[in-house]
Amino acid sequence: METKTIKQTVTFDAPAIEVYNLLMDEKKHSAFTGSKVKMSKKVKGKFNIFDGYILGYNIELIEGEKIVQGWHFAEEGWPDDHYSICTFKFKQTDNKTKLSLVHTDIPAHKVEELKQGWKQYYWAPMKTSLKEL
């Protein structure tokens, strides 16, 4: 299977720990996605996002700095046993945080859809959510 990588960078008007917690705290993650979320905060712990559309596990967690996770999408054409790898890095400058995402091992035919998905279902609602804090 041919795979590809997505790289995106987005800046949030919030401290790095707040951006990190939006992704790792299941109540905050659920609030900005509008879906049921189960999120372990432990390495090797599992998660379930968008009511089971995304399943995965934590590979590396450095609070406020880095998240590495294996993500599986319940998508047609996504192999049942295949996990892509999402690496989120957080760099705080003053009261802003630059989040860099590197999403690897994506089945090639899903890349364009996921590029838009990150913007629509993550970055935009996360920015809105942080404004409401």
C-alpha atoms as a PDB file:
ATOM      1  CA  MET A   1       0.000   0.000   0.000  1.00  0.00           C
ATOM      2  CA  GLU A   2       1.328   3.413  -0.943  1.00  0.00           C
ATOM      3  CA  THR A   3       1.355   5.848   1.975  1.00  0.00           C
ATOM      4  CA  LYS A   4       1.911   9.581   2.233  1.00  0.00           C
ATOM      5  CA  THR A   5       2.554  12.252   4.866  1.00  0.00           C
ATOM      6  CA  ILE A   6       0.695  15.420   5.858  1.00  0.00           C
ATOM      7  CA  LYS A   7       2.564  18.313   7.468  1.00  0.00           C
ATOM      8  CA  GLN A   8       0.589  21.230   8.880  1.00  0.00           C
ATOM      9  CA  THR A   9       1.462  24.079  11.231  1.00  0.00           C
ATOM     10  CA  VAL A  10      -1.091  26.202  13.034  1.00  0.00           C
ATOM     11  CA  THR A  11      -0.752  28.970  15.635  1.00  0.00           C
ATOM     12  CA  PHE A  12      -3.087  29.268  18.604  1.00  0.00           C
ATOM     13  CA  ASP A  13      -3.560  32.285  20.888  1.00  0.00           C
ATOM     14  CA  ALA A  14      -3.010  30.231  24.034  1.00  0.00           C
ATOM     15  CA  PRO A  15      -0.248  28.679  26.131  1.00  0.00           C
ATOM     16  CA  ALA A  16       1.125  25.314  24.948  1.00  0.00           C
ATOM     17  CA  ILE A  17      -0.318  23.423  27.915  1.00  0.00           C
ATOM     18  CA  GLU A  18      -3.841  24.605  27.045  1.00  0.00           C
ATOM     19  CA  VAL A  19      -3.474  23.437  23.429  1.00  0.00           C
ATOM     20  CA  TYR A  20      -1.982  20.124  24.612  1.00  0.00           C
ATOM     21  CA  ASN A  21      -4.876  19.638  27.056  1.00  0.00           C
ATOM     22  CA  LEU A  22      -7.467  20.246  24.345  1.00  0.00           C
ATOM     23  CA  LEU A  23      -6.159  17.125  22.618  1.00  0.00           C
ATOM     24  CA  MET A  24      -5.430  14.982  25.685  1.00  0.00           C
ATOM     25  CA  ASP A  25      -8.301  15.837  28.068  1.00  0.00           C
ATOM     26  CA  GLU A  26     -11.309  13.784  27.010  1.00  0.00           C
ATOM     27  CA  LYS A  27     -13.882  16.363  28.206  1.00  0.00           C
ATOM     28  CA  LYS A  28     -12.153  19.237  26.373  1.00  0.00           C
ATOM     29  CA  HIS A  29     -11.586  17.099  23.265  1.00  0.00           C
ATOM     30  CA  SER A  30     -15.234  16.042  23.328  1.00  0.00           C
ATOM     31  CA  ALA A  31     -16.377  19.668  23.699  1.00  0.00           C
ATOM     32  CA  PHE A  32     -14.559  20.974  20.617  1.00  0.00           C
ATOM     33  CA  THR A  33     -15.345  17.939  18.429  1.00  0.00           C
ATOM     34  CA  GLY A  34     -18.954  17.622  19.555  1.00  0.00           C
ATOM     35  CA  SER A  35     -18.493  13.868  19.905  1.00  0.00           C
ATOM     36  CA  LYS A  36     -17.920  11.241  22.551  1.00  0.00           C
ATOM     37  CA  VAL A  37     -14.195  10.893  23.355  1.00  0.00           C
ATOM     38  CA  LYS A  38     -12.323   8.378  25.510  1.00  0.00           C
ATOM     39  CA  MET A  39      -8.682   9.413  25.983  1.00  0.00           C
ATOM     40  CA  SER A  40      -6.000   7.706  28.042  1.00  0.00           C
ATOM     41  CA  LYS A  41      -3.255  10.016  29.300  1.00  0.00           C
ATOM     42  CA  LYS A  42      -0.751   7.160  29.556  1.00  0.00           C
ATOM     43  CA  VAL A  43       1.821   5.824  27.079  1.00  0.00           C
ATOM     44  CA  LYS A  44       0.385   2.671  25.464  1.00  0.00           C
ATOM     45  CA  GLY A  45      -3.077   3.831  26.605  1.00  0.00           C
ATOM     46  CA  LYS A  46      -5.887   3.793  24.057  1.00  0.00           C
ATOM     47  CA  PHE A  47      -8.281   6.411  22.751  1.00  0.00           C
ATOM     48  CA  ASN A  48     -11.534   6.585  20.825  1.00  0.00           C
ATOM     49  CA  ILE A  49     -12.619   9.815  19.069  1.00  0.00           C
ATOM     50  CA  PHE A  50     -15.697  10.808  17.043  1.00  0.00           C
ATOM     51  CA  ASP A  51     -17.772   7.959  18.493  1.00  0.00           C
ATOM     52  CA  GLY A  52     -15.340   5.287  17.253  1.00  0.00           C
ATOM     53  CA  TYR A  53     -14.500   6.781  13.855  1.00  0.00           C
ATOM     54  CA  ILE A  54     -10.910   7.212  15.093  1.00  0.00           C
ATOM     55  CA  LEU A  55      -9.254   4.619  17.344  1.00  0.00           C
ATOM     56  CA  GLY A  56      -5.692   4.697  18.522  1.00  0.00           C
ATOM     57  CA  TYR A  57      -3.018   4.499  21.157  1.00  0.00           C
ATOM     58  CA  ASN A  58      -0.420   6.780  22.743  1.00  0.00           C
ATOM     59  CA  ILE A  59       3.230   6.227  21.807  1.00  0.00           C
ATOM     60  CA  GLU A  60       4.945   9.218  23.468  1.00  0.00           C
ATOM     61  CA  LEU A  61       3.556  11.958  25.715  1.00  0.00           C
ATOM     62  CA  ILE A  62       5.505  14.983  26.985  1.00  0.00           C
ATOM     63  CA  GLU A  63       3.028  17.302  28.652  1.00  0.00           C
ATOM     64  CA  GLY A  64       2.794  20.651  26.887  1.00  0.00           C
ATOM     65  CA  GLU A  65       5.491  19.676  24.361  1.00  0.00           C
ATOM     66  CA  LYS A  66       4.785  16.564  22.307  1.00  0.00           C
ATOM     67  CA  ILE A  67       2.184  13.901  21.543  1.00  0.00           C
ATOM     68  CA  VAL A  68       2.880  10.876  19.335  1.00  0.00           C
ATOM     69  CA  GLN A  69      -0.073   8.600  18.632  1.00  0.00           C
ATOM     70  CA  GLY A  70      -1.113   5.769  16.342  1.00  0.00           C
ATOM     71  CA  TRP A  71      -4.423   6.627  14.598  1.00  0.00           C
ATOM     72  CA  HIS A  72      -6.778   4.227  12.811  1.00  0.00           C
ATOM     73  CA  PHE A  73      -9.709   5.610  10.815  1.00  0.00           C
ATOM     74  CA  ALA A  74     -12.923   3.633  10.261  1.00  0.00           C
ATOM     75  CA  GLU A  75     -12.826   4.493   6.560  1.00  0.00           C
ATOM     76  CA  GLU A  76     -13.572   2.501   3.467  1.00  0.00           C
ATOM     77  CA  GLY A  77     -10.235   1.552   1.959  1.00  0.00           C
ATOM     78  CA  TRP A  78      -8.353   1.915   5.276  1.00  0.00           C
ATOM     79  CA  PRO A  79      -6.885  -1.509   6.173  1.00  0.00           C
ATOM     80  CA  ASP A  80      -8.287  -2.909   9.430  1.00  0.00           C
ATOM     81  CA  ASP A  81      -4.862  -3.416  11.014  1.00  0.00           C
ATOM     82  CA  HIS A  82      -3.234  -0.182   9.763  1.00  0.00           C
ATOM     83  CA  TYR A  83      -2.323   2.752  12.011  1.00  0.00           C
ATOM     84  CA  SER A  84      -1.006   6.070  10.763  1.00  0.00           C
ATOM     85  CA  ILE A  85       1.289   8.026  13.112  1.00  0.00           C
ATOM     86  CA  CYS A  86       0.402  11.541  14.301  1.00  0.00           C
ATOM     87  CA  THR A  87       3.130  13.637  15.910  1.00  0.00           C
ATOM     88  CA  PHE A  88       2.035  16.909  17.485  1.00  0.00           C
ATOM     89  CA  LYS A  89       4.795  19.288  18.654  1.00  0.00           C
ATOM     90  CA  PHE A  90       4.004  22.414  20.658  1.00  0.00           C
ATOM     91  CA  LYS A  91       6.267  25.488  20.721  1.00  0.00           C
ATOM     92  CA  GLN A  92       5.206  28.393  22.904  1.00  0.00           C
ATOM     93  CA  THR A  93       6.330  31.963  22.240  1.00  0.00           C
ATOM     94  CA  ASP A  94       4.893  34.563  24.599  1.00  0.00           C
ATOM     95  CA  ASN A  95       1.210  33.603  24.895  1.00  0.00           C
ATOM     96  CA  LYS A  96       0.970  31.917  21.486  1.00  0.00           C
ATOM     97  CA  THR A  97       1.603  28.293  20.604  1.00  0.00           C
ATOM     98  CA  LYS A  98       2.762  26.928  17.272  1.00  0.00           C
ATOM     99  CA  LEU A  99       1.491  23.389  16.818  1.00  0.00           C
ATOM    100  CA  SER A 100       3.305  21.335  14.181  1.00  0.00           C
ATOM    101  CA  LEU A 101       1.581  18.180  12.989  1.00  0.00           C
ATOM    102  CA  VAL A 102       3.339  15.446  11.045  1.00  0.00           C
ATOM    103  CA  HIS A 103       0.872  12.710  10.101  1.00  0.00           C
ATOM    104  CA  THR A 104       2.654   9.764   8.423  1.00  0.00           C
ATOM    105  CA  ASP A 105       1.697   6.385   6.941  1.00  0.00           C
ATOM    106  CA  ILE A 106      -1.626   7.599   5.529  1.00  0.00           C
ATOM    107  CA  PRO A 107      -3.038   5.472   2.709  1.00  0.00           C
ATOM    108  CA  ALA A 108      -2.312   7.652  -0.340  1.00  0.00           C
ATOM    109  CA  HIS A 109      -5.944   7.828  -1.470  1.00  0.00           C
ATOM    110  CA  LYS A 110      -6.986   9.393   1.883  1.00  0.00           C
ATOM    111  CA  VAL A 111      -4.418  12.222   2.077  1.00  0.00           C
ATOM    112  CA  GLU A 112      -6.433  15.060   0.523  1.00  0.00           C
ATOM    113  CA  GLU A 113      -9.509  14.215   2.591  1.00  0.00           C
ATOM    114  CA  LEU A 114      -7.485  14.157   5.822  1.00  0.00           C
ATOM    115  CA  LYS A 115      -5.685  17.437   4.994  1.00  0.00           C
ATOM    116  CA  GLN A 116      -9.078  19.147   4.945  1.00  0.00           C
ATOM    117  CA  GLY A 117     -10.293  17.134   7.928  1.00  0.00           C
ATOM    118  CA  TRP A 118      -7.516  18.452  10.164  1.00  0.00           C
ATOM    119  CA  LYS A 119      -8.461  22.038   9.279  1.00  0.00           C
ATOM    120  CA  GLN A 120     -12.213  21.569   9.531  1.00  0.00           C
ATOM    121  CA  TYR A 121     -12.532  19.195  12.501  1.00  0.00           C
ATOM    122  CA  TYR A 122      -9.480  20.168  14.566  1.00  0.00           C
ATOM    123  CA  TRP A 123      -7.742  23.501  13.962  1.00  0.00           C
ATOM    124  CA  ALA A 124     -10.829  25.706  13.437  1.00  0.00           C
ATOM    125  CA  PRO A 125     -12.887  24.308  16.372  1.00  0.00           C
ATOM    126  CA  MET A 126      -9.797  24.280  18.618  1.00  0.00           C
ATOM    127  CA  LYS A 127      -9.251  27.998  17.937  1.00  0.00           C
ATOM    128  CA  THR A 128     -12.919  28.688  18.729  1.00  0.00           C
ATOM    129  CA  SER A 129     -12.733  26.618  21.900  1.00  0.00           C
ATOM    130  CA  LEU A 130      -9.620  28.438  23.140  1.00  0.00           C
ATOM    131  CA  LYS A 131     -11.317  31.820  22.631  1.00  0.00           C
ATOM    132  CA  GLU A 132     -14.108  30.660  24.938  1.00  0.00           C
ATOM    133  CA  LEU A 133     -11.751  29.758  27.815  1.00  0.00           C
END
